[in-house]
Amino acid sequence: MSYTPTVAIMSIMKIPGLNIQWPWSEKILCGEKTIETRHYPLPQHYLNQPLALIETPGPFGKKRGIKASIRGIIFFNQCYLYKNFEHWRSEYDQHRVSPDDPQFAYHSGCVKYAWVIKKVITLNPPLPPPDRRGIVFTTNVQVPDFYLSSYFVSD
């Protein structure tokens, strides 16, 4: 009896990436945070498109030994401008940013946008991060396409 091994061929997709600091990344991955807030709007061409969720340690993660990695794939389906502090504060249960957070809270005179999360796919195990992680450099993050096939089949 002869045995012929089967070789699975994995194809790689190149998708844009988004850097999100820990612990916000963790809150998104577990479903606790359903709105990401930024000082700029989500570019229209990223709506309903897969983005690699690149977890970066940030100041709190560094203290816990968190290393940068691709932890998931995230889809946003809406983006809107917060009208004022009260509007932003009323959505605390979705964005999870404390009003006294020195880095990410809504401050007077600032502009804040809500990026509404449609779906998150957790990568297990996480993938190594791209060499360069700034927003300008994360346009071609390599992710095995089988992670995305489940999204397109189940939606």
Protein backbone atom coordinates (compact mmCIF):
# COMPACT_ATOMS: atom_id res chain seq x y z
CA MET A 1 0.00 0.00 0.00
CA SER A 2 1.47 3.33 -0.98
CA TYR A 3 0.79 6.62 0.70
CA THR A 4 0.64 9.88 -1.18
CA PRO A 5 0.85 12.88 1.12
CA THR A 6 -1.63 15.67 0.64
CA VAL A 7 -0.26 19.18 0.59
CA ALA A 8 -2.49 22.01 1.65
CA ILE A 9 -1.73 25.21 -0.16
CA MET A 10 -2.33 28.31 1.86
CA SER A 11 -2.77 31.55 0.03
CA ILE A 12 -1.99 34.89 1.57
CA MET A 13 -4.13 37.99 1.32
CA LYS A 14 -2.69 41.45 1.69
CA ILE A 15 -5.00 43.75 3.61
CA PRO A 16 -4.61 47.11 5.33
CA GLY A 17 -3.83 47.10 9.03
CA LEU A 18 -4.91 49.21 11.97
CA ASN A 19 -2.77 49.70 15.07
CA ILE A 20 -4.74 49.48 18.30
CA GLN A 21 -3.05 49.72 21.68
CA TRP A 22 -3.55 47.19 24.41
CA PRO A 23 -5.89 47.10 26.44
CA TRP A 24 -8.28 48.54 23.80
CA SER A 25 -7.38 45.75 21.40
CA GLU A 26 -8.27 43.14 24.00
CA LYS A 27 -11.61 44.84 24.72
CA ILE A 28 -12.41 44.74 20.99
CA LEU A 29 -11.43 41.09 20.63
CA CYS A 30 -13.64 39.99 23.54
CA GLY A 31 -16.61 42.08 22.32
CA GLU A 32 -16.61 44.56 25.20
CA LYS A 33 -15.64 47.51 22.95
CA THR A 34 -17.81 47.91 19.85
CA ILE A 35 -16.77 51.43 18.82
CA GLU A 36 -13.21 52.54 18.17
CA THR A 37 -12.71 56.29 18.59
CA ARG A 38 -10.22 58.34 16.61
CA HIS A 39 -9.45 62.00 15.90
CA TYR A 40 -9.99 61.42 12.18
CA PRO A 41 -12.72 59.71 10.16
CA LEU A 42 -12.37 56.19 8.86
CA PRO A 43 -11.54 56.45 5.15
CA GLN A 44 -14.66 55.49 3.19
CA HIS A 45 -12.86 52.77 1.22
CA TYR A 46 -12.21 50.88 4.50
CA LEU A 47 -15.93 50.55 5.35
CA ASN A 48 -16.98 46.87 5.32
CA GLN A 49 -13.45 45.84 4.34
CA PRO A 50 -11.15 43.56 6.35
CA LEU A 51 -8.42 45.32 8.30
CA ALA A 52 -5.72 43.52 10.25
CA LEU A 53 -6.02 44.38 13.94
CA ILE A 54 -2.42 45.01 14.94
CA GLU A 55 -2.16 45.04 18.70
CA THR A 56 0.59 47.35 19.93
CA PRO A 57 1.63 47.40 23.58
CA GLY A 58 1.18 51.09 24.33
CA PRO A 59 2.36 52.34 27.72
CA PHE A 60 0.25 49.90 29.78
CA GLY A 61 1.00 46.84 27.67
CA LYS A 62 4.75 47.41 27.84
CA LYS A 63 4.55 47.14 31.63
CA ARG A 64 2.80 43.75 31.20
CA GLY A 65 5.18 42.42 28.58
CA ILE A 66 2.73 42.70 25.67
CA LYS A 67 4.45 42.49 22.28
CA ALA A 68 3.06 43.73 18.98
CA SER A 69 1.18 41.10 16.96
CA ILE A 70 -1.67 40.70 14.51
CA ARG A 71 -4.46 39.60 16.83
CA GLY A 72 -7.46 39.75 14.56
CA ILE A 73 -9.29 40.99 11.52
CA ILE A 74 -11.76 43.80 12.05
CA PHE A 75 -14.57 45.19 9.90
CA PHE A 76 -16.17 48.62 10.42
CA ASN A 77 -19.57 49.41 8.94
CA GLN A 78 -20.12 53.01 9.99
CA CYS A 79 -18.23 56.15 10.95
CA TYR A 80 -19.68 59.34 12.38
CA LEU A 81 -18.56 62.51 14.12
CA TYR A 82 -19.40 62.96 17.78
CA LYS A 83 -21.43 66.16 18.05
CA ASN A 84 -20.13 67.07 21.50
CA PHE A 85 -18.86 65.68 24.81
CA GLU A 86 -22.33 64.56 25.91
CA HIS A 87 -22.82 62.58 22.71
CA TRP A 88 -19.42 60.90 23.18
CA ARG A 89 -20.08 60.23 26.88
CA SER A 90 -23.51 58.71 26.11
CA GLU A 91 -21.76 55.95 24.14
CA TYR A 92 -19.32 54.97 26.87
CA ASP A 93 -20.72 51.42 26.97
CA GLN A 94 -19.65 50.99 23.34
CA HIS A 95 -16.26 52.77 23.23
CA ARG A 96 -15.18 52.09 26.85
CA VAL A 97 -12.95 55.20 27.07
CA SER A 98 -13.15 56.89 30.45
CA PRO A 99 -13.85 60.66 30.44
CA ASP A 100 -10.67 61.13 32.48
CA ASP A 101 -8.39 59.10 30.18
CA PRO A 102 -5.48 61.50 29.51
CA GLN A 103 -4.74 60.14 26.05
CA PHE A 104 -8.03 59.06 24.46
CA ALA A 105 -10.85 60.97 26.20
CA TYR A 106 -12.93 63.62 24.49
CA HIS A 107 -11.40 66.99 25.30
CA SER A 108 -12.88 70.40 24.63
CA GLY A 109 -11.86 71.68 21.24
CA CYS A 110 -11.07 68.21 19.94
CA VAL A 111 -12.77 66.29 17.18
CA LYS A 112 -13.72 62.66 17.82
CA TYR A 113 -15.09 60.08 15.42
CA ALA A 114 -16.84 56.81 16.17
CA TRP A 115 -15.79 53.84 14.04
CA VAL A 116 -18.54 51.26 14.54
CA ILE A 117 -17.27 47.69 14.62
CA LYS A 118 -19.31 45.26 12.54
CA LYS A 119 -17.32 42.08 13.13
CA VAL A 120 -14.05 40.87 14.59
CA ILE A 121 -12.30 37.61 13.75
CA THR A 122 -9.75 36.56 16.37
CA LEU A 123 -6.53 35.03 15.07
CA ASN A 124 -5.39 32.11 17.18
CA PRO A 125 -2.49 32.00 17.37
CA PRO A 126 -1.68 35.65 16.65
CA LEU A 127 0.54 36.40 13.68
CA PRO A 128 3.84 38.30 13.76
CA PRO A 129 3.41 42.03 13.20
CA PRO A 130 4.61 43.80 10.09
CA ASP A 131 8.09 45.30 10.39
CA ARG A 132 6.71 48.81 10.24
CA ARG A 133 3.49 49.55 12.07
CA GLY A 134 2.63 53.21 11.44
CA ILE A 135 -0.70 53.89 9.72
CA VAL A 136 1.13 54.81 6.51
CA PHE A 137 3.06 51.53 6.41
CA THR A 138 0.33 49.00 7.16
CA THR A 139 -1.33 48.86 3.76
CA ASN A 140 -0.18 45.33 2.83
CA VAL A 141 -0.41 43.18 5.96
CA GLN A 142 -0.15 39.50 5.07
CA VAL A 143 -2.90 37.27 6.48
CA PRO A 144 -3.76 33.68 5.46
CA ASP A 145 -7.00 33.84 3.50
CA PHE A 146 -8.67 30.99 5.44
CA TYR A 147 -9.33 33.46 8.28
CA LEU A 148 -11.41 35.54 5.90
CA SER A 149 -13.17 32.66 4.18
CA SER A 150 -15.23 32.03 7.32
CA TYR A 151 -16.41 35.64 7.28
CA PHE A 152 -17.57 35.57 3.70
CA VAL A 153 -19.22 32.15 4.09
CA SER A 154 -21.11 32.96 7.31
CA ASP A 155 -22.26 36.47 6.44
